[in-house]
Amino acid sequence: MILPVFPISAGYSPYIPWDTNLFEKAVAIFRSNIGAAFNIGIWIFFMVAGISVVIKIVGMIRE
């Protein structure tokens, strides 16, 4: 007789015992909002980069 290596895995079932609708809704919300988040990130990057360039230009003029 062959015994399982881990006694816990003897009763392993590949099915998830809870409802996955919550995770599916979260993924759907994430997918619908990723475009807006990416757009906002690009604009923030442009603003920070622009401020940095202005500060460098002003610093070069002062010298």
PDB file of N, CA and C in Angstrom:
ATOM      1  N   MET A   1       0.837  -1.186   0.000  1.00  0.00           N
ATOM      2  CA  MET A   1       0.000   0.000   0.000  1.00  0.00           C
ATOM      3  C   MET A   1       0.879   1.245   0.000  1.00  0.00           C
ATOM      4  N   ILE A   2       0.566   2.205  -0.862  1.00  0.00           N
ATOM      5  CA  ILE A   2       1.333   3.446  -0.955  1.00  0.00           C
ATOM      6  C   ILE A   2       0.591   4.525  -0.173  1.00  0.00           C
ATOM      7  N   LEU A   3       1.313   5.143   0.766  1.00  0.00           N
ATOM      8  CA  LEU A   3       0.737   6.213   1.581  1.00  0.00           C
ATOM      9  C   LEU A   3       1.090   7.560   0.977  1.00  0.00           C
ATOM     10  N   PRO A   4       0.191   8.528   1.091  1.00  0.00           N
ATOM     11  CA  PRO A   4       0.521   9.855   0.571  1.00  0.00           C
ATOM     12  C   PRO A   4       1.644  10.484   1.381  1.00  0.00           C
ATOM     13  N   VAL A   5       2.441  11.322   0.723  1.00  0.00           N
ATOM     14  CA  VAL A   5       3.563  11.973   1.390  1.00  0.00           C
ATOM     15  C   VAL A   5       3.048  12.928   2.466  1.00  0.00           C
ATOM     16  N   PHE A   6       2.049  13.710   2.124  1.00  0.00           N
ATOM     17  CA  PHE A   6       1.444  14.619   3.092  1.00  0.00           C
ATOM     18  C   PHE A   6       0.005  14.174   3.332  1.00  0.00           C
ATOM     19  N   PRO A   7      -0.323  13.843   4.565  1.00  0.00           N
ATOM     20  CA  PRO A   7      -1.689  13.380   4.831  1.00  0.00           C
ATOM     21  C   PRO A   7      -2.755  14.420   4.475  1.00  0.00           C
ATOM     22  N   ILE A   8      -2.411  15.699   4.536  1.00  0.00           N
ATOM     23  CA  ILE A   8      -3.382  16.739   4.216  1.00  0.00           C
ATOM     24  C   ILE A   8      -3.749  16.680   2.732  1.00  0.00           C
ATOM     25  N   SER A   9      -2.773  16.374   1.879  1.00  0.00           N
ATOM     26  CA  SER A   9      -3.029  16.372   0.452  1.00  0.00           C
ATOM     27  C   SER A   9      -3.862  15.174   0.007  1.00  0.00           C
ATOM     28  N   ALA A  10      -4.101  14.228   0.896  1.00  0.00           N
ATOM     29  CA  ALA A  10      -4.911  13.070   0.524  1.00  0.00           C
ATOM     30  C   ALA A  10      -6.345  13.494   0.227  1.00  0.00           C
ATOM     31  N   GLY A  11      -6.842  14.533   0.914  1.00  0.00           N
ATOM     32  CA  GLY A  11      -8.206  14.999   0.694  1.00  0.00           C
ATOM     33  C   GLY A  11      -8.250  16.261  -0.136  1.00  0.00           C
ATOM     34  N   TYR A  12      -7.223  16.521  -0.934  1.00  0.00           N
ATOM     35  CA  TYR A  12      -7.149  17.756  -1.724  1.00  0.00           C
ATOM     36  C   TYR A  12      -8.231  17.783  -2.792  1.00  0.00           C
ATOM     37  N   SER A  13      -8.882  18.921  -2.887  1.00  0.00           N
ATOM     38  CA  SER A  13      -9.887  19.131  -3.916  1.00  0.00           C
ATOM     39  C   SER A  13      -9.525  20.411  -4.663  1.00  0.00           C
ATOM     40  N   PRO A  14      -9.496  20.401  -5.988  1.00  0.00           N
ATOM     41  CA  PRO A  14      -9.091  21.595  -6.724  1.00  0.00           C
ATOM     42  C   PRO A  14     -10.148  22.691  -6.764  1.00  0.00           C
ATOM     43  N   TYR A  15     -11.273  22.492  -6.141  1.00  0.00           N
ATOM     44  CA  TYR A  15     -12.351  23.471  -6.194  1.00  0.00           C
ATOM     45  C   TYR A  15     -12.215  24.478  -5.063  1.00  0.00           C
ATOM     46  N   ILE A  16     -12.537  25.746  -5.360  1.00  0.00           N
ATOM     47  CA  ILE A  16     -12.478  26.807  -4.361  1.00  0.00           C
ATOM     48  C   ILE A  16     -13.795  26.794  -3.590  1.00  0.00           C
ATOM     49  N   PRO A  17     -13.727  26.750  -2.261  1.00  0.00           N
ATOM     50  CA  PRO A  17     -14.955  26.622  -1.474  1.00  0.00           C
ATOM     51  C   PRO A  17     -15.734  27.916  -1.280  1.00  0.00           C
ATOM     52  N   TRP A  18     -15.316  29.020  -1.871  1.00  0.00           N
ATOM     53  CA  TRP A  18     -16.050  30.266  -1.721  1.00  0.00           C
ATOM     54  C   TRP A  18     -16.417  30.833  -3.092  1.00  0.00           C
ATOM     55  N   ASP A  19     -17.244  31.831  -3.047  1.00  0.00           N
ATOM     56  CA  ASP A  19     -17.733  32.445  -4.279  1.00  0.00           C
ATOM     57  C   ASP A  19     -16.668  33.388  -4.846  1.00  0.00           C
ATOM     58  N   THR A  20     -16.331  33.249  -6.100  1.00  0.00           N
ATOM     59  CA  THR A  20     -15.289  34.078  -6.709  1.00  0.00           C
ATOM     60  C   THR A  20     -15.848  35.326  -7.394  1.00  0.00           C
ATOM     61  N   ASN A  21     -17.122  35.592  -7.261  1.00  0.00           N
ATOM     62  CA  ASN A  21     -17.710  36.771  -7.905  1.00  0.00           C
ATOM     63  C   ASN A  21     -17.087  38.071  -7.414  1.00  0.00           C
ATOM     64  N   LEU A  22     -16.690  38.106  -6.145  1.00  0.00           N
ATOM     65  CA  LEU A  22     -16.064  39.305  -5.595  1.00  0.00           C
ATOM     66  C   LEU A  22     -14.764  39.600  -6.343  1.00  0.00           C
ATOM     67  N   PHE A  23     -13.950  38.582  -6.580  1.00  0.00           N
ATOM     68  CA  PHE A  23     -12.695  38.769  -7.301  1.00  0.00           C
ATOM     69  C   PHE A  23     -12.945  39.145  -8.757  1.00  0.00           C
ATOM     70  N   GLU A  24     -13.947  38.546  -9.360  1.00  0.00           N
ATOM     71  CA  GLU A  24     -14.271  38.869 -10.754  1.00  0.00           C
ATOM     72  C   GLU A  24     -14.742  40.314 -10.891  1.00  0.00           C
ATOM     73  N   LYS A  25     -15.516  40.797  -9.928  1.00  0.00           N
ATOM     74  CA  LYS A  25     -15.964  42.194  -9.953  1.00  0.00           C
ATOM     75  C   LYS A  25     -14.779  43.143  -9.758  1.00  0.00           C
ATOM     76  N   ALA A  26     -13.857  42.776  -8.869  1.00  0.00           N
ATOM     77  CA  ALA A  26     -12.679  43.607  -8.637  1.00  0.00           C
ATOM     78  C   ALA A  26     -11.829  43.708  -9.896  1.00  0.00           C
ATOM     79  N   VAL A  27     -11.656  42.608 -10.597  1.00  0.00           N
ATOM     80  CA  VAL A  27     -10.884  42.626 -11.842  1.00  0.00           C
ATOM     81  C   VAL A  27     -11.590  43.478 -12.888  1.00  0.00           C
ATOM     82  N   ALA A  28     -12.901  43.385 -12.967  1.00  0.00           N
ATOM     83  CA  ALA A  28     -13.651  44.189 -13.931  1.00  0.00           C
ATOM     84  C   ALA A  28     -13.521  45.680 -13.625  1.00  0.00           C
ATOM     85  N   ILE A  29     -13.598  46.056 -12.358  1.00  0.00           N
ATOM     86  CA  ILE A  29     -13.441  47.464 -11.967  1.00  0.00           C
ATOM     87  C   ILE A  29     -12.031  47.933 -12.284  1.00  0.00           C
ATOM     88  N   PHE A  30     -11.046  47.097 -11.992  1.00  0.00           N
ATOM     89  CA  PHE A  30      -9.660  47.448 -12.267  1.00  0.00           C
ATOM     90  C   PHE A  30      -9.441  47.658 -13.761  1.00  0.00           C
ATOM     91  N   ARG A  31      -9.990  46.787 -14.574  1.00  0.00           N
ATOM     92  CA  ARG A  31      -9.832  46.912 -16.024  1.00  0.00           C
ATOM     93  C   ARG A  31     -10.528  48.159 -16.561  1.00  0.00           C
ATOM     94  N   SER A  32     -11.670  48.511 -15.987  1.00  0.00           N
ATOM     95  CA  SER A  32     -12.384  49.689 -16.487  1.00  0.00           C
ATOM     96  C   SER A  32     -11.702  50.984 -16.066  1.00  0.00           C
ATOM     97  N   ASN A  33     -10.958  50.973 -14.953  1.00  0.00           N
ATOM     98  CA  ASN A  33     -10.336  52.195 -14.446  1.00  0.00           C
ATOM     99  C   ASN A  33      -8.861  52.323 -14.801  1.00  0.00           C
ATOM    100  N   ILE A  34      -8.262  51.319 -15.409  1.00  0.00           N
ATOM    101  CA  ILE A  34      -6.826  51.381 -15.681  1.00  0.00           C
ATOM    102  C   ILE A  34      -6.502  52.487 -16.688  1.00  0.00           C
ATOM    103  N   GLY A  35      -7.393  52.734 -17.632  1.00  0.00           N
ATOM    104  CA  GLY A  35      -7.158  53.794 -18.606  1.00  0.00           C
ATOM    105  C   GLY A  35      -7.085  55.161 -17.957  1.00  0.00           C
ATOM    106  N   ALA A  36      -8.000  55.448 -17.055  1.00  0.00           N
ATOM    107  CA  ALA A  36      -8.000  56.739 -16.360  1.00  0.00           C
ATOM    108  C   ALA A  36      -6.756  56.877 -15.482  1.00  0.00           C
ATOM    109  N   ALA A  37      -6.379  55.814 -14.810  1.00  0.00           N
ATOM    110  CA  ALA A  37      -5.195  55.867 -13.948  1.00  0.00           C
ATOM    111  C   ALA A  37      -3.932  56.108 -14.780  1.00  0.00           C
ATOM    112  N   PHE A  38      -3.850  55.468 -15.934  1.00  0.00           N
ATOM    113  CA  PHE A  38      -2.689  55.662 -16.805  1.00  0.00           C
ATOM    114  C   PHE A  38      -2.644  57.098 -17.319  1.00  0.00           C
ATOM    115  N   ASN A  39      -3.787  57.633 -17.706  1.00  0.00           N
ATOM    116  CA  ASN A  39      -3.862  59.010 -18.196  1.00  0.00           C
ATOM    117  C   ASN A  39      -3.444  59.999 -17.112  1.00  0.00           C
ATOM    118  N   ILE A  40      -3.932  59.824 -15.916  1.00  0.00           N
ATOM    119  CA  ILE A  40      -3.579  60.718 -14.808  1.00  0.00           C
ATOM    120  C   ILE A  40      -2.086  60.616 -14.507  1.00  0.00           C
ATOM    121  N   GLY A  41      -1.548  59.408 -14.556  1.00  0.00           N
ATOM    122  CA  GLY A  41      -0.116  59.212 -14.314  1.00  0.00           C
ATOM    123  C   GLY A  41       0.737  59.927 -15.336  1.00  0.00           C
ATOM    124  N   ILE A  42       0.327  59.864 -16.602  1.00  0.00           N
ATOM    125  CA  ILE A  42       1.071  60.565 -17.657  1.00  0.00           C
ATOM    126  C   ILE A  42       1.055  62.072 -17.420  1.00  0.00           C
ATOM    127  N   TRP A  43      -0.106  62.631 -17.067  1.00  0.00           N
ATOM    128  CA  TRP A  43      -0.189  64.076 -16.838  1.00  0.00           C
ATOM    129  C   TRP A  43       0.642  64.501 -15.631  1.00  0.00           C
ATOM    130  N   ILE A  44       0.628  63.713 -14.576  1.00  0.00           N
ATOM    131  CA  ILE A  44       1.455  64.037 -13.400  1.00  0.00           C
ATOM    132  C   ILE A  44       2.932  64.001 -13.778  1.00  0.00           C
ATOM    133  N   PHE A  45       3.324  63.006 -14.571  1.00  0.00           N
ATOM    134  CA  PHE A  45       4.713  62.926 -15.016  1.00  0.00           C
ATOM    135  C   PHE A  45       5.086  64.161 -15.828  1.00  0.00           C
ATOM    136  N   PHE A  46       4.222  64.579 -16.755  1.00  0.00           N
ATOM    137  CA  PHE A  46       4.501  65.761 -17.568  1.00  0.00           C
ATOM    138  C   PHE A  46       4.633  67.016 -16.703  1.00  0.00           C
ATOM    139  N   MET A  47       3.771  67.160 -15.693  1.00  0.00           N
ATOM    140  CA  MET A  47       3.836  68.338 -14.832  1.00  0.00           C
ATOM    141  C   MET A  47       5.131  68.353 -14.016  1.00  0.00           C
ATOM    142  N   VAL A  48       5.490  67.224 -13.437  1.00  0.00           N
ATOM    143  CA  VAL A  48       6.719  67.172 -12.640  1.00  0.00           C
ATOM    144  C   VAL A  48       7.941  67.393 -13.528  1.00  0.00           C
ATOM    145  N   ALA A  49       7.952  66.783 -14.716  1.00  0.00           N
ATOM    146  CA  ALA A  49       9.065  66.984 -15.639  1.00  0.00           C
ATOM    147  C   ALA A  49       9.137  68.438 -16.090  1.00  0.00           C
ATOM    148  N   GLY A  50       7.998  69.072 -16.365  1.00  0.00           N
ATOM    149  CA  GLY A  50       7.975  70.477 -16.769  1.00  0.00           C
ATOM    150  C   GLY A  50       8.495  71.389 -15.680  1.00  0.00           C
ATOM    151  N   ILE A  51       8.081  71.164 -14.455  1.00  0.00           N
ATOM    152  CA  ILE A  51       8.566  71.968 -13.327  1.00  0.00           C
ATOM    153  C   ILE A  51      10.071  71.798 -13.171  1.00  0.00           C
ATOM    154  N   SER A  52      10.547  70.585 -13.331  1.00  0.00           N
ATOM    155  CA  SER A  52      11.980  70.320 -13.231  1.00  0.00           C
ATOM    156  C   SER A  52      12.759  71.051 -14.315  1.00  0.00           C
ATOM    157  N   VAL A  53      12.252  71.041 -15.533  1.00  0.00           N
ATOM    158  CA  VAL A  53      12.923  71.740 -16.636  1.00  0.00           C
ATOM    159  C   VAL A  53      12.932  73.247 -16.378  1.00  0.00           C
ATOM    160  N   VAL A  54      11.825  73.797 -15.916  1.00  0.00           N
ATOM    161  CA  VAL A  54      11.762  75.231 -15.625  1.00  0.00           C
ATOM    162  C   VAL A  54      12.769  75.596 -14.551  1.00  0.00           C
ATOM    163  N   ILE A  55      12.870  74.793 -13.504  1.00  0.00           N
ATOM    164  CA  ILE A  55      13.832  75.071 -12.431  1.00  0.00           C
ATOM    165  C   ILE A  55      15.260  75.009 -12.958  1.00  0.00           C
ATOM    166  N   LYS A  56      15.554  74.050 -13.823  1.00  0.00           N
ATOM    167  CA  LYS A  56      16.903  73.969 -14.395  1.00  0.00           C
ATOM    168  C   LYS A  56      17.211  75.156 -15.293  1.00  0.00           C
ATOM    169  N   ILE A  57      16.235  75.591 -16.100  1.00  0.00           N
ATOM    170  CA  ILE A  57      16.441  76.745 -16.970  1.00  0.00           C
ATOM    171  C   ILE A  57      16.674  78.004 -16.145  1.00  0.00           C
ATOM    172  N   VAL A  58      15.869  78.202 -15.110  1.00  0.00           N
ATOM    173  CA  VAL A  58      16.042  79.370 -14.238  1.00  0.00           C
ATOM    174  C   VAL A  58      17.397  79.318 -13.562  1.00  0.00           C
ATOM    175  N   GLY A  59      17.835  78.143 -13.141  1.00  0.00           N
ATOM    176  CA  GLY A  59      19.149  77.998 -12.520  1.00  0.00           C
ATOM    177  C   GLY A  59      20.265  78.308 -13.483  1.00  0.00           C
ATOM    178  N   MET A  60      20.131  77.924 -14.745  1.00  0.00           N
ATOM    179  CA  MET A  60      21.150  78.222 -15.750  1.00  0.00           C
ATOM    180  C   MET A  60      21.196  79.725 -16.043  1.00  0.00           C
ATOM    181  N   ILE A  61      20.049  80.385 -16.053  1.00  0.00           N
ATOM    182  CA  ILE A  61      20.006  81.831 -16.318  1.00  0.00           C
ATOM    183  C   ILE A  61      20.620  82.614 -15.163  1.00  0.00           C
ATOM    184  N   ARG A  62      20.408  82.161 -13.940  1.00  0.00           N
ATOM    185  CA  ARG A  62      20.941  82.864 -12.769  1.00  0.00           C
ATOM    186  C   ARG A  62      22.462  82.846 -12.732  1.00  0.00           C
ATOM    187  N   GLU A  63      23.069  81.836 -13.299  1.00  0.00           N
ATOM    188  CA  GLU A  63      24.535  81.748 -13.252  1.00  0.00           C
ATOM    189  C   GLU A  63      25.187  82.581 -14.237  1.00  0.00           C
TER     190      GLU A  63
END
